[in-house]
PDB file of N, CA and C in Angstrom:
ATOM      1  N   MET A   1       6.831  39.742 150.947  1.00  0.00           N
ATOM      2  CA  MET A   1       6.855  41.049 151.569  1.00  0.00           C
ATOM      3  C   MET A   1       5.506  41.722 151.338  1.00  0.00           C
ATOM      4  N   THR A   2       4.956  42.306 152.355  1.00  0.00           N
ATOM      5  CA  THR A   2       3.658  42.964 152.230  1.00  0.00           C
ATOM      6  C   THR A   2       3.834  44.381 151.731  1.00  0.00           C
ATOM      7  N   GLU A   3       2.735  44.934 151.208  1.00  0.00           N
ATOM      8  CA  GLU A   3       2.816  46.307 150.731  1.00  0.00           C
ATOM      9  C   GLU A   3       3.092  47.277 151.867  1.00  0.00           C
ATOM     10  N   GLN A   4       2.675  46.936 153.084  1.00  0.00           N
ATOM     11  CA  GLN A   4       2.948  47.802 154.226  1.00  0.00           C
ATOM     12  C   GLN A   4       4.441  47.914 154.494  1.00  0.00           C
ATOM     13  N   SER A   5       5.187  46.854 154.228  1.00  0.00           N
ATOM     14  CA  SER A   5       6.622  46.891 154.493  1.00  0.00           C
ATOM     15  C   SER A   5       7.419  47.384 153.286  1.00  0.00           C
ATOM     16  N   ARG A   6       6.743  47.612 152.163  1.00  0.00           N
ATOM     17  CA  ARG A   6       7.424  48.145 150.977  1.00  0.00           C
ATOM     18  C   ARG A   6       7.868  49.569 151.281  1.00  0.00           C
ATOM     19  N   ARG A   7       9.121  49.856 150.936  1.00  0.00           N
ATOM     20  CA  ARG A   7       9.613  51.207 151.170  1.00  0.00           C
ATOM     21  C   ARG A   7      10.726  51.523 150.194  1.00  0.00           C
ATOM     22  N   PHE A   8      11.063  52.786 150.121  1.00  0.00           N
ATOM     23  CA  PHE A   8      12.181  53.206 149.300  1.00  0.00           C
ATOM     24  C   PHE A   8      13.470  53.067 150.100  1.00  0.00           C
ATOM     25  N   LEU A   9      14.501  52.610 149.413  1.00  0.00           N
ATOM     26  CA  LEU A   9      15.823  52.494 150.008  1.00  0.00           C
ATOM     27  C   LEU A   9      16.770  53.417 149.253  1.00  0.00           C
ATOM     28  N   ARG A  10      17.529  54.180 149.985  1.00  0.00           N
ATOM     29  CA  ARG A  10      18.521  55.044 149.364  1.00  0.00           C
ATOM     30  C   ARG A  10      19.795  54.242 149.123  1.00  0.00           C
ATOM     31  N   LEU A  11      20.709  54.794 148.356  1.00  0.00           N
ATOM     32  CA  LEU A  11      21.922  54.076 147.956  1.00  0.00           C
ATOM     33  C   LEU A  11      22.687  53.521 149.156  1.00  0.00           C
ATOM     34  N   ARG A  12      22.827  54.287 150.199  1.00  0.00           N
ATOM     35  CA  ARG A  12      23.550  53.826 151.390  1.00  0.00           C
ATOM     36  C   ARG A  12      22.933  52.538 151.931  1.00  0.00           C
ATOM     37  N   GLN A  13      21.615  52.493 151.997  1.00  0.00           N
ATOM     38  CA  GLN A  13      20.929  51.313 152.508  1.00  0.00           C
ATOM     39  C   GLN A  13      21.080  50.127 151.563  1.00  0.00           C
ATOM     40  N   VAL A  14      20.995  50.386 150.264  1.00  0.00           N
ATOM     41  CA  VAL A  14      21.156  49.321 149.270  1.00  0.00           C
ATOM     42  C   VAL A  14      22.555  48.734 149.363  1.00  0.00           C
ATOM     43  N   LYS A  15      23.564  49.589 149.461  1.00  0.00           N
ATOM     44  CA  LYS A  15      24.943  49.119 149.585  1.00  0.00           C
ATOM     45  C   LYS A  15      25.108  48.220 150.802  1.00  0.00           C
ATOM     46  N   GLU A  16      24.525  48.611 151.931  1.00  0.00           N
ATOM     47  CA  GLU A  16      24.624  47.812 153.152  1.00  0.00           C
ATOM     48  C   GLU A  16      23.930  46.459 152.989  1.00  0.00           C
ATOM     49  N   LEU A  17      22.777  46.450 152.335  1.00  0.00           N
ATOM     50  CA  LEU A  17      22.020  45.207 152.173  1.00  0.00           C
ATOM     51  C   LEU A  17      22.693  44.220 151.237  1.00  0.00           C
ATOM     52  N   VAL A  18      23.177  44.706 150.104  1.00  0.00           N
ATOM     53  CA  VAL A  18      23.687  43.783 149.091  1.00  0.00           C
ATOM     54  C   VAL A  18      25.190  43.571 149.158  1.00  0.00           C
ATOM     55  N   GLY A  19      25.901  44.386 149.904  1.00  0.00           N
ATOM     56  CA  GLY A  19      27.340  44.195 150.048  1.00  0.00           C
ATOM     57  C   GLY A  19      28.148  44.614 148.845  1.00  0.00           C
ATOM     58  N   LEU A  20      27.588  45.483 148.024  1.00  0.00           N
ATOM     59  CA  LEU A  20      28.302  46.001 146.856  1.00  0.00           C
ATOM     60  C   LEU A  20      28.538  47.493 147.024  1.00  0.00           C
ATOM     61  N   GLY A  21      29.536  48.007 146.352  1.00  0.00           N
ATOM     62  CA  GLY A  21      29.809  49.438 146.358  1.00  0.00           C
ATOM     63  C   GLY A  21      29.022  50.150 145.279  1.00  0.00           C
ATOM     64  N   ARG A  22      29.073  51.458 145.322  1.00  0.00           N
ATOM     65  CA  ARG A  22      28.338  52.297 144.381  1.00  0.00           C
ATOM     66  C   ARG A  22      28.670  51.956 142.930  1.00  0.00           C
ATOM     67  N   SER A  23      29.951  51.878 142.617  1.00  0.00           N
ATOM     68  CA  SER A  23      30.367  51.608 141.239  1.00  0.00           C
ATOM     69  C   SER A  23      29.856  50.265 140.749  1.00  0.00           C
ATOM     70  N   SER A  24      29.951  49.245 141.594  1.00  0.00           N
ATOM     71  CA  SER A  24      29.479  47.915 141.212  1.00  0.00           C
ATOM     72  C   SER A  24      27.975  47.912 140.974  1.00  0.00           C
ATOM     73  N   ILE A  25      27.245  48.598 141.833  1.00  0.00           N
ATOM     74  CA  ILE A  25      25.792  48.670 141.676  1.00  0.00           C
ATOM     75  C   ILE A  25      25.437  49.314 140.345  1.00  0.00           C
ATOM     76  N   TYR A  26      26.052  50.451 140.047  1.00  0.00           N
ATOM     77  CA  TYR A  26      25.713  51.147 138.806  1.00  0.00           C
ATOM     78  C   TYR A  26      26.196  50.390 137.571  1.00  0.00           C
ATOM     79  N   GLN A  27      27.307  49.655 137.671  1.00  0.00           N
ATOM     80  CA  GLN A  27      27.736  48.813 136.552  1.00  0.00           C
ATOM     81  C   GLN A  27      26.715  47.712 136.296  1.00  0.00           C
ATOM     82  N   LYS A  28      26.211  47.113 137.365  1.00  0.00           N
ATOM     83  CA  LYS A  28      25.217  46.057 137.218  1.00  0.00           C
ATOM     84  C   LYS A  28      23.893  46.613 136.691  1.00  0.00           C
ATOM     85  N   ILE A  29      23.529  47.809 137.073  1.00  0.00           N
ATOM     86  CA  ILE A  29      22.322  48.448 136.526  1.00  0.00           C
ATOM     87  C   ILE A  29      22.495  48.623 135.025  1.00  0.00           C
ATOM     88  N   HIS A  30      23.649  49.129 134.632  1.00  0.00           N
ATOM     89  CA  HIS A  30      23.918  49.376 133.211  1.00  0.00           C
ATOM     90  C   HIS A  30      23.876  48.091 132.387  1.00  0.00           C
ATOM     91  N   SER A  31      24.325  46.984 132.978  1.00  0.00           N
ATOM     92  CA  SER A  31      24.339  45.716 132.243  1.00  0.00           C
ATOM     93  C   SER A  31      23.026  44.938 132.398  1.00  0.00           C
ATOM     94  N   GLY A  32      22.080  45.499 133.141  1.00  0.00           N
ATOM     95  CA  GLY A  32      20.782  44.854 133.298  1.00  0.00           C
ATOM     96  C   GLY A  32      20.750  43.780 134.369  1.00  0.00           C
ATOM     97  N   GLU A  33      21.766  43.728 135.221  1.00  0.00           N
ATOM     98  CA  GLU A  33      21.869  42.702 136.253  1.00  0.00           C
ATOM     99  C   GLU A  33      21.346  43.143 137.615  1.00  0.00           C
ATOM    100  N   PHE A  34      20.905  44.380 137.734  1.00  0.00           N
ATOM    101  CA  PHE A  34      20.475  44.922 139.026  1.00  0.00           C
ATOM    102  C   PHE A  34      19.290  45.844 138.784  1.00  0.00           C
ATOM    103  N   PRO A  35      18.370  45.909 139.730  1.00  0.00           N
ATOM    104  CA  PRO A  35      17.188  46.770 139.549  1.00  0.00           C
ATOM    105  C   PRO A  35      17.560  48.244 139.382  1.00  0.00           C
ATOM    106  N   LYS A  36      16.808  48.927 138.545  1.00  0.00           N
ATOM    107  CA  LYS A  36      17.015  50.359 138.347  1.00  0.00           C
ATOM    108  C   LYS A  36      16.343  51.131 139.476  1.00  0.00           C
ATOM    109  N   PRO A  37      16.946  52.251 139.860  1.00  0.00           N
ATOM    110  CA  PRO A  37      16.321  53.078 140.884  1.00  0.00           C
ATOM    111  C   PRO A  37      15.156  53.878 140.302  1.00  0.00           C
ATOM    112  N   HIS A  38      14.337  54.407 141.195  1.00  0.00           N
ATOM    113  CA  HIS A  38      13.209  55.250 140.817  1.00  0.00           C
ATOM    114  C   HIS A  38      13.531  56.689 141.206  1.00  0.00           C
ATOM    115  N   ALA A  39      13.193  57.628 140.341  1.00  0.00           N
ATOM    116  CA  ALA A  39      13.444  59.042 140.642  1.00  0.00           C
ATOM    117  C   ALA A  39      12.468  59.522 141.708  1.00  0.00           C
ATOM    118  N   LEU A  40      13.011  60.164 142.728  1.00  0.00           N
ATOM    119  CA  LEU A  40      12.188  60.763 143.777  1.00  0.00           C
ATOM    120  C   LEU A  40      12.058  62.260 143.570  1.00  0.00           C
ATOM    121  N   GLY A  41      13.012  62.818 142.873  1.00  0.00           N
ATOM    122  CA  GLY A  41      13.039  64.246 142.604  1.00  0.00           C
ATOM    123  C   GLY A  41      14.083  64.522 141.551  1.00  0.00           C
ATOM    124  N   ALA A  42      14.436  65.772 141.403  1.00  0.00           N
ATOM    125  CA  ALA A  42      15.387  66.166 140.365  1.00  0.00           C
ATOM    126  C   ALA A  42      16.756  65.511 140.557  1.00  0.00           C
ATOM    127  N   ARG A  43      17.173  65.326 141.812  1.00  0.00           N
ATOM    128  CA  ARG A  43      18.513  64.786 142.077  1.00  0.00           C
ATOM    129  C   ARG A  43      18.505  63.656 143.091  1.00  0.00           C
ATOM    130  N   ALA A  44      17.366  63.036 143.305  1.00  0.00           N
ATOM    131  CA  ALA A  44      17.283  61.970 144.300  1.00  0.00           C
ATOM    132  C   ALA A  44      16.659  60.720 143.690  1.00  0.00           C
ATOM    133  N   VAL A  45      17.295  59.584 143.941  1.00  0.00           N
ATOM    134  CA  VAL A  45      16.757  58.301 143.485  1.00  0.00           C
ATOM    135  C   VAL A  45      16.727  57.339 144.660  1.00  0.00           C
ATOM    136  N   ALA A  46      15.896  56.323 144.520  1.00  0.00           N
ATOM    137  CA  ALA A  46      15.809  55.277 145.534  1.00  0.00           C
ATOM    138  C   ALA A  46      15.320  54.006 144.865  1.00  0.00           C
ATOM    139  N   TRP A  47      15.558  52.891 145.524  1.00  0.00           N
ATOM    140  CA  TRP A  47      15.132  51.591 145.030  1.00  0.00           C
ATOM    141  C   TRP A  47      13.963  51.107 145.867  1.00  0.00           C
ATOM    142  N   LEU A  48      13.060  50.372 145.238  1.00  0.00           N
ATOM    143  CA  LEU A  48      11.991  49.745 146.000  1.00  0.00           C
ATOM    144  C   LEU A  48      12.578  48.562 146.760  1.00  0.00           C
ATOM    145  N   SER A  49      12.240  48.458 148.014  1.00  0.00           N
ATOM    146  CA  SER A  49      12.754  47.356 148.825  1.00  0.00           C
ATOM    147  C   SER A  49      12.382  46.009 148.214  1.00  0.00           C
ATOM    148  N   ASP A  50      11.180  45.904 147.642  1.00  0.00           N
ATOM    149  CA  ASP A  50      10.761  44.655 146.992  1.00  0.00           C
ATOM    150  C   ASP A  50      11.748  44.244 145.898  1.00  0.00           C
ATOM    151  N   ASP A  51      12.174  45.205 145.093  1.00  0.00           N
ATOM    152  CA  ASP A  51      13.104  44.926 143.998  1.00  0.00           C
ATOM    153  C   ASP A  51      14.451  44.430 144.526  1.00  0.00           C
ATOM    154  N   ILE A  52      14.923  45.059 145.590  1.00  0.00           N
ATOM    155  CA  ILE A  52      16.223  44.675 146.143  1.00  0.00           C
ATOM    156  C   ILE A  52      16.153  43.296 146.781  1.00  0.00           C
ATOM    157  N   TYR A  53      15.100  43.039 147.560  1.00  0.00           N
ATOM    158  CA  TYR A  53      14.977  41.726 148.194  1.00  0.00           C
ATOM    159  C   TYR A  53      14.790  40.615 147.152  1.00  0.00           C
ATOM    160  N   ALA A  54      14.066  40.900 146.077  1.00  0.00           N
ATOM    161  CA  ALA A  54      13.899  39.913 145.005  1.00  0.00           C
ATOM    162  C   ALA A  54      15.246  39.634 144.336  1.00  0.00           C
ATOM    163  N   TRP A  55      16.043  40.670 144.120  1.00  0.00           N
ATOM    164  CA  TRP A  55      17.370  40.490 143.524  1.00  0.00           C
ATOM    165  C   TRP A  55      18.236  39.632 144.441  1.00  0.00           C
ATOM    166  N   MET A  56      18.184  39.913 145.750  1.00  0.00           N
ATOM    167  CA  MET A  56      18.961  39.129 146.706  1.00  0.00           C
ATOM    168  C   MET A  56      18.531  37.665 146.692  1.00  0.00           C
ATOM    169  N   GLU A  57      17.230  37.415 146.647  1.00  0.00           N
ATOM    170  CA  GLU A  57      16.731  36.037 146.591  1.00  0.00           C
ATOM    171  C   GLU A  57      17.197  35.334 145.326  1.00  0.00           C
ATOM    172  N   SER A  58      17.240  36.065 144.213  1.00  0.00           N
ATOM    173  CA  SER A  58      17.701  35.453 142.961  1.00  0.00           C
ATOM    174  C   SER A  58      19.177  35.082 143.046  1.00  0.00           C
ATOM    175  N   ARG A  59      19.964  35.871 143.765  1.00  0.00           N
ATOM    176  CA  ARG A  59      21.389  35.544 143.967  1.00  0.00           C
ATOM    177  C   ARG A  59      21.501  34.288 144.815  1.00  0.00           C
ATOM    178  N   ILE A  60      20.683  34.198 145.859  1.00  0.00           N
ATOM    179  CA  ILE A  60      20.724  33.034 146.739  1.00  0.00           C
ATOM    180  C   ILE A  60      20.321  31.790 145.964  1.00  0.00           C
ATOM    181  N   ALA A  61      19.223  31.883 145.214  1.00  0.00           N
ATOM    182  CA  ALA A  61      18.740  30.752 144.429  1.00  0.00           C
ATOM    183  C   ALA A  61      19.766  30.325 143.387  1.00  0.00           C
ATOM    184  N   GLY A  62      20.446  31.278 142.786  1.00  0.00           N
ATOM    185  CA  GLY A  62      21.446  30.978 141.774  1.00  0.00           C
ATOM    186  C   GLY A  62      22.698  30.330 142.329  1.00  0.00           C
ATOM    187  N   ASN A  63      22.928  30.501 143.624  1.00  0.00           N
ATOM    188  CA  ASN A  63      24.127  29.945 144.262  1.00  0.00           C
ATOM    189  C   ASN A  63      23.865  28.620 144.954  1.00  0.00           C
ATOM    190  N   ASN A  64      22.632  28.178 144.966  1.00  0.00           N
ATOM    191  CA  ASN A  64      22.294  26.896 145.597  1.00  0.00           C
ATOM    192  C   ASN A  64      22.442  25.773 144.581  1.00  0.00           C
ATOM    193  N   HIS A  65      23.645  25.250 144.497  1.00  0.00           N
ATOM    194  CA  HIS A  65      23.931  24.147 143.568  1.00  0.00           C
ATOM    195  C   HIS A  65      23.792  22.831 144.307  1.00  0.00           C
ATOM    196  N   GLU A  66      23.153  21.883 143.686  1.00  0.00           N
ATOM    197  CA  GLU A  66      23.050  20.554 144.294  1.00  0.00           C
ATOM    198  C   GLU A  66      24.318  19.768 144.021  1.00  0.00           C
ATOM    199  N   GLY A  67      24.697  18.958 144.986  1.00  0.00           N
ATOM    200  CA  GLY A  67      25.847  18.083 144.794  1.00  0.00           C
ATOM    201  C   GLY A  67      27.007  18.637 145.481  1.00  0.00           C
TER     202      GLY A  67
END
């Protein structure tokens, strides 16, 4: 992914991309299994698209079993 295509994703977009709900995402963040969001302001957070796509690739790679 190029830096030009890097962008912030809000929770709604992250949920759509990864297929998880809010609670599951935050549980995985707490356990260290999912990227942490970045603060945009006092009450707004977002994830870097690079972080989310890398997490998705790691899930794909982890599920590719030979045999």
